[in-house]
Amino acid sequence: LEKYKEENILSIWNVEEKKLKLVEHRKLKGLEQLNNLKFHDELWKIISEFYPEDVINRIDKFVVFSDNNKNNRNGMSGLIESVDGTNNSRFILSVDIADAYYGNKISLEVFLNLLVHEFFHLVSLKRSARRHQARTGIFLFRIYL
C-alpha cells in the first residue's frame, strides 16, 4: 500500500474465501459516485470471475484507489504487490476505480486489459519466487499460462 498516496485510497478489503470483508472506506472529493461501495464490489465480482481460483486464493487484500488521472500518463491504473514475509506467495491487488469506470458504467475492455497486465506481474513475481526457491533447494513448477 506504500506505492501510492494514502489519501488516494477509497477502500481496503480483506479477501477471505473469495469474499470481500471491508476494512476501511473513505470518501474522496471529486469521485462522489465512485465512492459507492457497490462499484467496488462490482470490480471484485469481475476479478473473481476472470482470474483462476488459485490466483484469487492468493490475494489477501483488495484496494480501490484513484489518482483521479483518467489519461493515466502520470498515474497508475493498478498494481499487484507481494505481501511482506510471504516469499511472493500472497498478494495485494489494487485498482484505480476512475480508470475502470466511465460515468456509472464500467469499461469492461479497459478493466480486463488492466487485469491481464496485473496477471503478468503476478506471473513474474512467482517466477522471482521460484528463482529464490531454486537457490534454496525448493522447487515450484506451476505457472499460470
Protein backbone atom coordinates (compact mmCIF):
# COMPACT_ATOMS: atom_id res chain seq x y z
CA LEU A 1 0.00 0.00 0.00
CA GLU A 2 3.02 2.26 0.10
CA LYS A 3 3.19 2.54 -3.70
CA TYR A 4 0.62 5.33 -3.89
CA LYS A 5 -0.54 8.13 -1.69
CA GLU A 6 -2.56 7.15 1.35
CA GLU A 7 -5.07 9.92 0.66
CA ASN A 8 -5.99 8.33 -2.71
CA ILE A 9 -7.38 5.15 -1.15
CA LEU A 10 -11.17 4.75 -1.25
CA SER A 11 -11.47 1.30 0.28
CA ILE A 12 -9.39 -1.53 1.69
CA TRP A 13 -10.79 -5.05 1.80
CA ASN A 14 -9.57 -8.33 3.22
CA VAL A 15 -10.20 -11.27 0.91
CA GLU A 16 -11.40 -14.38 2.72
CA GLU A 17 -12.54 -17.41 0.75
CA LYS A 18 -13.07 -15.28 -2.38
CA LYS A 19 -15.34 -12.89 -0.45
CA LEU A 20 -14.59 -9.29 0.48
CA LYS A 21 -14.61 -8.04 4.08
CA LEU A 22 -14.46 -4.27 4.36
CA VAL A 23 -11.56 -2.96 6.46
CA GLU A 24 -11.81 0.74 5.66
CA HIS A 25 -13.91 3.06 3.49
CA ARG A 26 -13.11 6.67 2.69
CA LYS A 27 -14.86 9.19 0.51
CA LEU A 28 -12.76 11.22 -1.89
CA LYS A 29 -13.82 14.61 -3.25
CA GLY A 30 -14.46 14.65 -6.97
CA LEU A 31 -15.33 10.94 -7.04
CA GLU A 32 -18.67 11.11 -5.28
CA GLN A 33 -20.44 8.48 -7.39
CA LEU A 34 -17.45 6.11 -7.34
CA ASN A 35 -17.25 6.31 -3.54
CA ASN A 36 -20.28 3.99 -3.54
CA LEU A 37 -19.17 0.53 -2.38
CA LYS A 38 -21.45 -1.17 -4.92
CA PHE A 39 -18.96 -0.11 -7.61
CA HIS A 40 -16.05 -1.57 -5.62
CA ASP A 41 -17.96 -4.81 -5.20
CA GLU A 42 -18.70 -4.89 -8.94
CA LEU A 43 -14.97 -4.67 -9.69
CA TRP A 44 -14.26 -7.59 -7.34
CA LYS A 45 -17.00 -9.67 -8.94
CA ILE A 46 -15.32 -9.25 -12.34
CA ILE A 47 -11.89 -10.02 -10.85
CA SER A 48 -13.11 -13.15 -9.09
CA GLU A 49 -14.75 -14.43 -12.27
CA PHE A 50 -11.80 -13.54 -14.51
CA TYR A 51 -8.81 -14.85 -12.56
CA PRO A 52 -8.33 -18.59 -11.91
CA GLU A 53 -9.40 -19.71 -8.44
CA ASP A 54 -5.79 -20.43 -7.45
CA VAL A 55 -4.90 -16.78 -8.16
CA ILE A 56 -7.90 -15.47 -6.21
CA ASN A 57 -6.93 -17.68 -3.27
CA ARG A 58 -3.52 -15.95 -3.16
CA ILE A 59 -4.97 -12.43 -2.92
CA ASP A 60 -5.10 -11.29 0.71
CA LYS A 61 -6.19 -7.68 0.18
CA PHE A 62 -8.09 -5.73 -2.44
CA VAL A 63 -7.58 -1.96 -2.53
CA VAL A 64 -9.62 0.54 -4.51
CA PHE A 65 -7.91 3.87 -5.07
CA SER A 66 -7.84 6.74 -7.53
CA ASP A 67 -5.17 9.14 -8.61
CA ASN A 68 -8.01 10.90 -10.48
CA ASN A 69 -5.86 10.92 -13.61
CA LYS A 70 -8.01 9.50 -16.42
CA ASN A 71 -5.35 9.76 -19.11
CA ASN A 72 -3.01 7.79 -16.83
CA ARG A 73 0.19 9.24 -18.28
CA ASN A 74 1.48 10.19 -14.84
CA GLY A 75 -0.62 7.86 -12.76
CA MET A 76 -1.31 4.18 -12.47
CA SER A 77 -4.35 2.04 -13.18
CA GLY A 78 -3.46 -0.77 -10.82
CA LEU A 79 -0.77 -2.78 -9.16
CA ILE A 80 -0.13 -6.12 -7.62
CA GLU A 81 2.38 -6.41 -4.82
CA SER A 82 3.65 -9.20 -2.65
CA VAL A 83 2.60 -9.30 1.00
CA ASP A 84 5.72 -8.85 3.12
CA GLY A 85 7.16 -12.07 4.51
CA THR A 86 5.27 -14.39 2.12
CA ASN A 87 8.07 -15.04 -0.40
CA ASN A 88 5.81 -13.84 -3.23
CA SER A 89 3.08 -16.34 -2.42
CA ARG A 90 0.40 -13.88 -1.16
CA PHE A 91 -0.63 -10.62 -2.83
CA ILE A 92 -2.40 -7.28 -2.58
CA LEU A 93 -4.34 -6.27 -5.70
CA SER A 94 -5.06 -2.57 -6.12
CA VAL A 95 -7.09 -0.90 -8.87
CA ASP A 96 -7.84 2.69 -9.83
CA ILE A 97 -11.62 2.85 -9.96
CA ALA A 98 -11.70 6.07 -12.00
CA ASP A 99 -9.76 4.34 -14.79
CA ALA A 100 -12.23 1.43 -14.81
CA TYR A 101 -15.47 3.46 -14.93
CA TYR A 102 -16.83 5.98 -17.38
CA GLY A 103 -19.74 7.67 -15.71
CA ASN A 104 -21.77 4.99 -13.94
CA LYS A 105 -20.69 2.23 -16.30
CA ILE A 106 -17.64 0.03 -16.15
CA SER A 107 -15.45 -0.07 -19.25
CA LEU A 108 -15.03 -3.83 -19.39
CA GLU A 109 -12.39 -3.73 -22.14
CA VAL A 110 -10.23 -1.26 -20.20
CA PHE A 111 -10.66 -3.14 -16.92
CA LEU A 112 -9.91 -6.57 -18.41
CA ASN A 113 -6.77 -5.16 -20.05
CA LEU A 114 -5.69 -3.97 -16.62
CA LEU A 115 -6.37 -7.40 -15.10
CA VAL A 116 -4.32 -9.14 -17.81
CA HIS A 117 -1.49 -6.67 -17.25
CA GLU A 118 -1.51 -7.24 -13.48
CA PHE A 119 -1.75 -11.01 -14.00
CA PHE A 120 1.58 -11.00 -15.80
CA HIS A 121 3.13 -9.06 -12.93
CA LEU A 122 1.86 -11.87 -10.71
CA VAL A 123 3.50 -14.43 -13.00
CA SER A 124 6.79 -12.54 -12.85
CA LEU A 125 6.59 -12.32 -9.05
CA LYS A 126 6.01 -16.06 -8.92
CA ARG A 127 9.00 -16.61 -11.22
CA SER A 128 11.12 -14.47 -8.92
CA ALA A 129 9.99 -16.64 -6.01
CA ARG A 130 10.84 -19.79 -7.98
CA ARG A 131 14.35 -18.48 -8.66
CA HIS A 132 14.76 -17.84 -4.94
CA GLN A 133 13.38 -21.27 -4.10
CA ALA A 134 15.67 -22.91 -6.67
CA ARG A 135 18.66 -21.32 -4.93
CA THR A 136 17.44 -22.68 -1.59
CA GLY A 137 16.68 -26.16 -2.95
CA ILE A 138 12.88 -25.85 -3.02
CA PHE A 139 11.18 -26.06 -6.42
CA LEU A 140 7.76 -24.96 -7.65
CA PHE A 141 6.85 -25.78 -11.23
CA ARG A 142 3.32 -24.46 -11.56
CA ILE A 143 2.98 -21.41 -13.83
CA TYR A 144 -0.22 -19.66 -14.80
CA LEU A 145 -0.03 -19.53 -18.59
